[in-house]
Protein backbone atom coordinates (compact mmCIF):
# COMPACT_ATOMS: atom_id res chain seq x y z
CA MET A 1 0.21 -0.17 0.15
CA THR A 2 1.61 3.25 -1.14
CA GLN A 3 1.66 5.78 1.94
CA TYR A 4 0.24 9.14 1.87
CA THR A 5 3.12 11.95 2.31
CA PRO A 6 2.49 15.67 1.34
CA GLN A 7 5.62 16.16 -0.49
CA ALA A 8 3.12 13.91 -3.00
CA ASP A 9 0.75 15.70 -3.76
CA THR A 10 3.17 19.35 -3.83
CA LEU A 11 4.44 16.96 -6.90
CA LYS A 12 1.34 16.27 -8.57
CA ILE A 13 0.21 19.77 -8.28
CA ARG A 14 3.93 21.01 -9.75
CA SER A 15 3.19 18.25 -12.29
CA TYR A 16 -0.02 19.44 -13.55
CA TRP A 17 0.94 23.39 -13.71
CA ARG A 18 3.67 22.46 -16.05
CA SER A 19 1.63 20.70 -18.19
CA TYR A 20 -0.93 23.80 -18.16
CA TYR A 21 2.06 25.79 -18.98
CA GLU A 22 3.66 23.56 -21.51
CA LEU A 23 0.07 23.67 -23.46
CA THR A 24 0.18 27.45 -23.95
CA LYS A 25 3.71 27.06 -25.78
CA PRO A 26 5.50 30.14 -23.34
CA LYS A 27 8.28 30.76 -25.84
CA VAL A 28 6.13 31.24 -29.40
CA VAL A 29 3.55 33.48 -26.24
CA ALA A 30 6.25 35.31 -25.57
CA LEU A 31 8.26 36.20 -29.43
CA MET A 32 4.09 37.28 -30.56
CA LEU A 33 3.97 39.61 -27.18
CA LEU A 34 7.29 41.12 -28.26
CA THR A 35 6.13 42.12 -31.04
CA ALA A 36 2.81 42.95 -29.76
CA VAL A 37 4.54 45.57 -27.42
CA VAL A 38 7.06 47.11 -30.68
CA GLY A 39 3.34 47.54 -32.22
CA MET A 40 2.35 49.57 -28.86
CA CYS A 41 5.04 51.66 -29.11
CA LEU A 42 5.62 52.56 -32.78
CA ALA A 43 1.97 53.79 -32.35
CA MET A 44 2.04 55.83 -29.46
CA PRO A 45 5.29 58.50 -29.89
CA ALA A 46 4.72 60.36 -26.81
CA GLY A 47 4.35 56.85 -24.54
CA LEU A 48 1.99 54.07 -24.04
CA PRO A 49 -1.38 54.29 -21.97
CA LEU A 50 -0.26 51.92 -19.68
CA LEU A 51 -3.40 50.34 -18.39
CA ALA A 52 -4.58 49.51 -22.05
CA ALA A 53 -1.18 48.41 -22.59
CA SER A 54 -1.04 46.69 -19.56
CA LEU A 55 -4.55 44.92 -20.56
CA GLY A 56 -3.81 44.26 -23.90
CA LEU A 57 -0.89 42.49 -23.07
CA VAL A 58 -2.84 40.45 -20.56
CA GLY A 59 -5.59 39.60 -23.24
CA ILE A 60 -3.65 38.41 -25.69
CA GLY A 61 -1.06 36.47 -24.34
CA LEU A 62 -4.30 34.73 -22.72
CA MET A 63 -5.77 34.60 -26.46
CA ALA A 64 -2.71 33.34 -28.30
CA GLY A 65 -2.11 30.76 -25.41
CA SER A 66 -5.56 29.87 -25.77
CA ALA A 67 -4.92 29.19 -29.43
CA ALA A 68 -2.14 27.20 -28.78
CA ALA A 69 -3.68 24.25 -26.16
CA PHE A 70 -6.60 23.91 -28.92
CA ASN A 71 -3.67 23.33 -31.38
CA HIS A 72 -2.75 20.90 -28.46
CA LEU A 73 -5.94 19.38 -28.20
CA ILE A 74 -6.15 18.80 -32.52
CA ASP A 75 -3.08 18.05 -33.04
CA GLN A 76 -2.43 14.84 -29.93
CA ARG A 77 -3.31 12.23 -33.14
CA ILE A 78 -0.37 13.41 -35.33
CA ASP A 79 2.33 14.45 -31.49
CA ALA A 80 1.96 10.92 -30.40
CA ILE A 81 3.38 9.69 -33.45
CA MET A 82 6.35 12.35 -34.17
CA ALA A 83 9.68 12.45 -32.22
CA ARG A 84 9.23 16.13 -31.42
CA THR A 85 5.99 16.19 -29.59
CA TYR A 86 4.80 12.58 -28.22
CA LYS A 87 5.84 13.96 -25.09
CA ARG A 88 3.50 16.89 -24.75
CA PRO A 89 0.60 16.49 -21.90
CA LEU A 90 -2.18 15.18 -23.77
CA PRO A 91 -0.10 11.91 -25.78
CA SER A 92 1.96 11.79 -22.80
CA GLY A 93 -1.23 10.70 -20.96
CA ASP A 94 -0.64 14.05 -18.08
CA LEU A 95 -3.76 15.66 -18.87
CA SER A 96 -7.04 14.40 -20.43
CA SER A 97 -8.55 15.84 -23.96
CA ILE A 98 -12.22 17.43 -21.59
CA ARG A 99 -9.51 19.06 -18.85
CA VAL A 100 -6.94 20.69 -22.04
CA PHE A 101 -10.01 21.91 -23.60
CA GLY A 102 -11.88 23.37 -20.74
CA PHE A 103 -8.56 25.00 -20.03
CA ALA A 104 -8.02 26.69 -23.33
CA THR A 105 -11.76 27.86 -23.59
CA SER A 106 -11.44 29.78 -19.58
CA ILE A 107 -8.34 31.12 -20.79
CA GLY A 108 -9.52 31.90 -24.08
CA VAL A 109 -12.90 33.52 -23.03
CA LEU A 110 -11.25 35.42 -20.02
CA GLY A 111 -8.94 37.18 -22.49
CA PHE A 112 -11.74 37.65 -24.97
CA VAL A 113 -13.23 39.60 -22.14
CA ILE A 114 -10.36 41.39 -20.89
CA LEU A 115 -9.68 42.70 -24.39
CA TRP A 116 -13.28 43.72 -25.04
CA LEU A 117 -13.92 45.35 -22.30
CA GLY A 118 -10.90 46.74 -20.49
CA VAL A 119 -9.27 47.93 -24.14
CA ASN A 120 -10.86 47.88 -26.72
CA PRO A 121 -13.87 45.78 -29.15
CA LEU A 122 -11.88 45.94 -32.43
CA THR A 123 -8.32 44.45 -30.43
CA ALA A 124 -10.73 41.54 -29.46
CA ILE A 125 -12.44 40.86 -32.46
CA LEU A 126 -9.06 41.04 -34.56
CA THR A 127 -7.21 38.92 -31.48
CA PHE A 128 -10.00 36.71 -31.70
CA ALA A 129 -10.00 35.88 -35.49
CA SER A 130 -6.50 34.88 -34.84
CA LEU A 131 -7.38 32.58 -32.57
CA LEU A 132 -9.42 31.13 -34.57
CA GLY A 133 -7.48 31.01 -37.70
CA TYR A 134 -4.41 29.01 -35.96
CA ALA A 135 -6.30 26.96 -34.32
CA VAL A 136 -9.01 26.08 -36.64
CA VAL A 137 -8.27 27.09 -40.44
CA TYR A 138 -4.34 26.42 -39.92
CA THR A 139 -4.65 23.03 -37.84
CA LEU A 140 -7.97 22.13 -38.12
CA TYR A 141 -8.23 21.96 -42.06
CA LEU A 142 -4.73 23.64 -43.77
CA LYS A 143 -2.21 21.60 -42.23
CA ARG A 144 -3.51 18.52 -43.46
CA ALA A 145 -5.03 20.04 -46.89
CA THR A 146 -1.83 21.46 -48.58
CA PRO A 147 1.71 22.08 -48.59
CA GLN A 148 1.16 25.64 -48.40
CA ASN A 149 -0.33 25.46 -45.71
CA ILE A 150 1.73 27.63 -43.28
CA VAL A 151 1.97 30.49 -45.91
CA ILE A 152 -1.56 30.74 -46.13
CA ALA A 153 -2.33 30.42 -42.45
CA GLY A 154 0.77 32.52 -41.68
CA ILE A 155 -1.48 35.67 -41.14
CA ALA A 156 -2.74 34.61 -37.83
CA GLY A 157 0.52 34.16 -36.81
CA ALA A 158 1.80 37.79 -38.15
CA MET A 159 -1.10 39.46 -36.30
CA PRO A 160 0.54 40.77 -32.83
CA PRO A 161 2.14 43.78 -33.92
CA LEU A 162 -1.48 44.71 -35.53
CA LEU A 163 -2.98 43.68 -31.89
CA GLY A 164 -0.48 45.46 -29.80
CA TRP A 165 -1.56 48.80 -32.61
CA THR A 166 -5.10 48.87 -31.83
CA ALA A 167 -5.27 48.19 -28.22
CA VAL A 168 -3.59 51.44 -27.27
CA THR A 169 -5.40 53.38 -30.47
CA GLY A 170 -8.02 51.77 -31.36
CA GLU A 171 -7.72 51.99 -35.27
CA LEU A 172 -5.81 50.18 -37.86
CA HIS A 173 -3.20 52.18 -39.37
CA ALA A 174 -0.58 50.92 -43.06
CA HIS A 175 2.29 50.57 -40.62
CA ALA A 176 1.39 48.13 -38.69
CA TRP A 177 0.11 46.35 -41.05
CA LEU A 178 3.71 46.82 -42.75
CA LEU A 179 4.87 44.86 -39.09
CA VAL A 180 2.04 42.05 -39.94
CA MET A 181 3.96 41.55 -43.70
CA ILE A 182 7.32 41.19 -41.76
CA ILE A 183 6.15 38.06 -39.84
CA PHE A 184 3.81 37.26 -42.28
CA VAL A 185 6.83 36.61 -45.14
CA TRP A 186 9.50 35.43 -42.30
CA THR A 187 7.08 32.81 -40.79
CA PRO A 188 7.74 29.86 -43.92
CA PRO A 189 11.26 30.02 -44.08
CA HIS A 190 10.88 29.54 -40.55
CA PHE A 191 8.74 26.99 -40.21
CA TRP A 192 10.69 25.36 -42.90
CA ALA A 193 13.96 24.93 -41.71
CA LEU A 194 12.00 23.04 -39.27
CA ALA A 195 10.13 20.94 -41.60
CA ILE A 196 12.98 19.91 -43.08
CA HIS A 197 14.99 18.91 -40.13
CA ARG A 198 11.65 16.26 -39.03
CA ARG A 199 10.53 15.80 -42.99
CA GLU A 200 10.49 11.83 -41.85
CA ASP A 201 8.26 12.86 -38.53
CA TYR A 202 6.07 14.65 -41.01
CA ALA A 203 5.78 11.63 -43.61
CA LYS A 204 5.07 9.28 -40.86
CA ALA A 205 2.38 11.64 -39.47
CA ASP A 206 0.70 12.33 -43.39
CA ILE A 207 0.87 15.91 -43.24
CA PRO A 208 2.04 17.26 -46.70
CA MET A 209 4.66 19.96 -45.00
CA LEU A 210 6.60 21.25 -47.80
CA PRO A 211 9.72 18.69 -47.74
CA VAL A 212 7.32 16.01 -47.91
CA THR A 213 5.30 16.92 -51.27
CA HIS A 214 7.75 18.43 -52.76
CA GLY A 215 11.08 17.24 -51.70
CA VAL A 216 14.19 18.90 -49.71
CA ALA A 217 15.80 20.32 -52.51
CA TYR A 218 12.42 22.04 -53.82
CA THR A 219 12.30 23.36 -49.93
CA LYS A 220 16.09 24.91 -49.33
CA THR A 221 15.00 26.64 -52.83
CA SER A 222 12.28 28.22 -51.38
CA ILE A 223 13.66 29.00 -48.27
CA LEU A 224 16.33 31.27 -50.04
CA LEU A 225 14.03 33.11 -52.14
CA TYR A 226 11.95 33.63 -49.43
CA THR A 227 14.97 35.39 -47.08
CA ILE A 228 15.56 37.36 -49.75
CA LEU A 229 12.05 38.22 -50.49
CA LEU A 230 11.81 39.16 -46.22
CA ALA A 231 14.62 41.18 -46.84
CA LEU A 232 13.05 43.85 -49.05
CA VAL A 233 10.38 43.13 -46.72
CA CYS A 234 12.73 44.23 -43.59
CA ALA A 235 13.76 47.40 -45.66
CA MET A 236 10.59 49.11 -45.94
CA PRO A 237 10.34 50.40 -42.89
CA ILE A 238 12.91 52.79 -43.10
CA LEU A 239 11.64 53.38 -47.04
CA VAL A 240 8.46 54.88 -45.58
CA GLY A 241 9.89 56.65 -43.16
CA MET A 242 9.11 54.63 -39.53
CA SER A 243 12.09 53.94 -38.75
CA GLY A 244 15.92 55.48 -39.28
CA TYR A 245 19.52 54.30 -39.02
CA ILE A 246 19.97 52.08 -35.81
CA TYR A 247 16.75 50.29 -37.11
CA MET A 248 18.75 49.97 -41.17
CA VAL A 249 21.57 48.86 -39.67
CA GLY A 250 20.09 46.42 -37.41
CA SER A 251 18.03 45.06 -40.20
CA THR A 252 20.55 44.81 -43.11
CA SER A 253 23.00 42.71 -40.88
CA LEU A 254 20.48 40.36 -39.95
CA SER A 255 18.82 40.37 -43.06
CA ALA A 256 22.93 38.94 -45.01
CA GLY A 257 23.17 36.31 -41.71
CA PHE A 258 19.35 34.97 -42.94
CA ILE A 259 20.00 34.98 -46.27
CA TYR A 260 23.73 33.11 -45.68
CA HIS A 261 22.22 30.80 -43.61
CA ALA A 262 19.89 29.63 -46.10
CA TRP A 263 22.06 29.93 -48.74
CA LYS A 264 24.76 27.63 -47.01
CA LEU A 265 21.26 25.05 -46.08
CA LYS A 266 21.08 25.01 -50.50
CA TYR A 267 24.69 24.73 -51.41
CA ARG A 268 26.78 23.64 -48.71
CA SER A 269 24.53 21.71 -46.15
CA ASP A 270 24.95 19.34 -43.29
CA GLU A 271 22.49 17.05 -41.24
CA LYS A 272 22.83 20.33 -38.62
CA GLN A 273 22.45 23.19 -41.28
CA ALA A 274 18.16 23.40 -41.50
CA MET A 275 17.80 23.68 -37.49
CA GLU A 276 21.38 25.90 -37.36
CA THR A 277 18.87 27.75 -40.02
CA PHE A 278 15.65 27.39 -37.96
CA LYS A 279 17.19 28.49 -34.65
CA PHE A 280 19.01 31.88 -36.85
CA SER A 281 14.99 32.77 -37.71
CA ILE A 282 14.32 32.87 -34.24
CA TYR A 283 17.22 35.30 -33.66
CA HIS A 284 16.08 37.24 -36.10
CA LEU A 285 12.62 38.65 -35.87
CA MET A 286 13.20 38.79 -32.48
CA LEU A 287 16.40 41.40 -32.80
CA LEU A 288 14.43 42.47 -35.97
CA PHE A 289 11.87 44.12 -33.32
CA VAL A 290 14.36 44.92 -30.54
CA PHE A 291 16.26 47.21 -33.39
CA LEU A 292 12.52 48.39 -34.05
CA LEU A 293 12.14 49.28 -30.77
CA VAL A 294 15.96 51.13 -30.14
CA ASP A 295 15.77 53.12 -33.55
CA HIS A 296 12.04 54.54 -32.29
CA TYR A 297 13.40 55.74 -28.83
CA VAL A 298 17.13 56.78 -29.79
């Protein structure tokens, strides 16, 4: 007979919290919130309205976490097959489907209410549309239907700068859409690099990612072409007067680095280069938005 100990209960509670925390994909949400903060700051040169900004970040973060949790719920069969994801809370059995559904729904509704009542209805509606775009349109349909899944659905994941902008202004602006465009064009080379590394996993799970349907060589060419297109899009904030020399230097350096990684993946590749390109893409986006922020205030 197993003896009861308070320590066992404490460990069980910690395990549950860790599982729920993993459902929200915290690293992804953190990067999204960084881009939302930059959107807020660029929208308000004179200083942020702290209450609207704070409530906006909380609401956007909760709804992003909800979308991630619904992604776990919908993809649990696939996750159980793939080496990268089989230890996630659902396929590992740490959480049940009903618990995850309840958690995802609860934080999603809470985030929506915070945005609607504490920020503005426009931001609430746009954030809800992003949640549906990622959790339903992409995860439930496009991911299983076409190798262009991440291209078509990329707009959902690219919305945070616009959401940050509308949270503090209550209106749409062309500069905010330009920030969305940067993330939209960044998403395919970022994700396809990971897809090359995990090609066998996607093939085993019958997911039509580009390396599975069109081959690795074709995907590498696509990544290289997208990084060149991304460099052009990243130069647009300078051309329209959003940013100055600090961003220009940082953006140009980061674009050159991404193109180099993509070129190396295409022409000088080894088994590690796909993941190296994927990792660099994360630093690229994070630092790009940091440069936007520094340039704005300096």
